[in-house]
Amino acid sequence: LPFATSSLANDYPTEARVDYVLGCMAANDNSYLTMRKCSCSIDVIAEHLSYETYEQVEVVLGMQDQRGELGVLFRTERGMQDQLRALRLAQADANLRCF
């Protein structure tokens, strides 16, 4: 199934990839080398997570900062924690392979 990984990695819209790369560059260094590393990073993440899962994790990360019951839900619900763990593992792999 060599095409399964390829199709999974290619389900990220260009806008999402660009948004990730721009955020990554802003957090690191706005250089050409950093752009290449950040582009590599989102490619590796896309190998691990479908775009749908990536989007869900991004929402969870944003909602965790909310106060009150809603924030607690997003910080403690088991399924959400599993998705966050999957993203962190993908990011760790990306850091090893790209940075």
Protein backbone atom coordinates (compact mmCIF):
# COMPACT_ATOMS: atom_id res chain seq x y z
CA LEU A 1 0.00 0.00 0.00
CA PRO A 2 2.62 2.61 -0.88
CA PHE A 3 -0.05 4.95 -2.20
CA ALA A 4 -2.04 4.99 1.04
CA THR A 5 0.56 7.10 2.84
CA SER A 6 0.93 9.33 -0.19
CA SER A 7 -2.78 10.05 -0.42
CA LEU A 8 -2.98 10.70 3.34
CA ALA A 9 -0.07 13.13 3.16
CA ASN A 10 -1.68 14.93 0.23
CA ASP A 11 -5.06 15.62 1.83
CA TYR A 12 -3.78 18.85 3.43
CA PRO A 13 -4.94 21.95 1.55
CA THR A 14 -2.22 24.31 0.39
CA GLU A 15 -3.60 27.06 2.64
CA ALA A 16 -3.16 24.86 5.73
CA ARG A 17 0.41 24.00 4.77
CA VAL A 18 1.28 27.65 4.15
CA ASP A 19 -0.33 28.69 7.44
CA TYR A 20 1.73 26.09 9.30
CA VAL A 21 4.97 27.11 7.57
CA LEU A 22 4.39 30.82 8.27
CA GLY A 23 3.66 30.12 11.94
CA CYS A 24 6.69 27.85 12.20
CA MET A 25 8.92 30.48 10.61
CA ALA A 26 7.61 33.19 12.92
CA ALA A 27 8.35 30.98 15.94
CA ASN A 28 11.86 30.19 14.74
CA ASP A 29 13.67 32.38 12.24
CA ASN A 30 12.28 33.99 9.11
CA SER A 31 15.04 32.65 6.88
CA TYR A 32 15.07 30.57 3.75
CA LEU A 33 16.62 27.64 5.62
CA THR A 34 13.87 27.80 8.25
CA MET A 35 11.23 27.84 5.51
CA ARG A 36 12.68 24.60 4.13
CA LYS A 37 12.74 23.02 7.60
CA CYS A 38 9.18 24.12 8.36
CA SER A 39 7.95 22.82 4.99
CA CYS A 40 9.60 19.49 5.75
CA SER A 41 7.96 19.52 9.18
CA ILE A 42 4.38 19.84 7.90
CA ASP A 43 5.09 17.14 5.31
CA VAL A 44 6.16 14.76 8.09
CA ILE A 45 3.13 15.65 10.21
CA ALA A 46 0.92 14.98 7.17
CA GLU A 47 2.46 11.50 6.93
CA HIS A 48 1.26 10.78 10.48
CA LEU A 49 -2.13 12.52 10.68
CA SER A 50 -4.98 13.01 8.24
CA TYR A 51 -5.93 16.62 7.68
CA GLU A 52 -9.24 16.01 9.46
CA THR A 53 -7.40 14.84 12.59
CA TYR A 54 -4.92 17.71 12.34
CA GLU A 55 -7.82 20.21 12.18
CA GLN A 56 -9.48 18.63 15.21
CA VAL A 57 -6.26 18.82 17.21
CA GLU A 58 -5.80 22.47 16.26
CA VAL A 59 -9.30 23.21 17.61
CA VAL A 60 -8.53 21.31 20.82
CA LEU A 61 -5.31 23.26 21.30
CA GLY A 62 -7.18 26.53 20.85
CA MET A 63 -9.99 25.54 23.18
CA GLN A 64 -7.70 24.36 25.98
CA ASP A 65 -6.95 27.99 26.80
CA GLN A 66 -10.63 28.69 27.49
CA ARG A 67 -11.68 29.27 31.07
CA GLY A 68 -14.41 27.40 32.88
CA GLU A 69 -16.06 24.08 32.12
CA LEU A 70 -15.43 24.24 28.39
CA GLY A 71 -11.70 24.62 28.89
CA VAL A 72 -11.66 21.81 31.44
CA LEU A 73 -13.46 19.54 28.97
CA PHE A 74 -10.88 20.19 26.27
CA ARG A 75 -8.01 19.71 28.72
CA THR A 76 -9.22 16.45 30.26
CA GLU A 77 -11.34 14.46 27.78
CA ARG A 78 -9.50 11.21 26.96
CA GLY A 79 -10.15 11.13 23.21
CA MET A 80 -8.83 14.64 22.83
CA GLN A 81 -5.71 13.75 24.81
CA ASP A 82 -5.07 10.81 22.47
CA GLN A 83 -5.26 13.13 19.46
CA LEU A 84 -2.88 15.60 21.11
CA ARG A 85 -0.46 12.77 21.85
CA ALA A 86 -0.58 11.72 18.18
CA LEU A 87 0.24 15.29 17.10
CA ARG A 88 3.11 15.53 19.59
CA LEU A 89 4.57 12.26 18.30
CA ALA A 90 4.28 13.53 14.72
CA GLN A 91 5.95 16.81 15.72
CA ALA A 92 8.76 14.91 17.46
CA ASP A 93 9.36 12.88 14.31
CA ALA A 94 9.30 16.08 12.25
CA ASN A 95 11.85 17.70 14.56
CA LEU A 96 14.17 14.71 14.24
CA ARG A 97 13.85 14.51 10.47
CA CYS A 98 13.74 18.20 9.57
CA PHE A 99 15.55 20.27 12.19
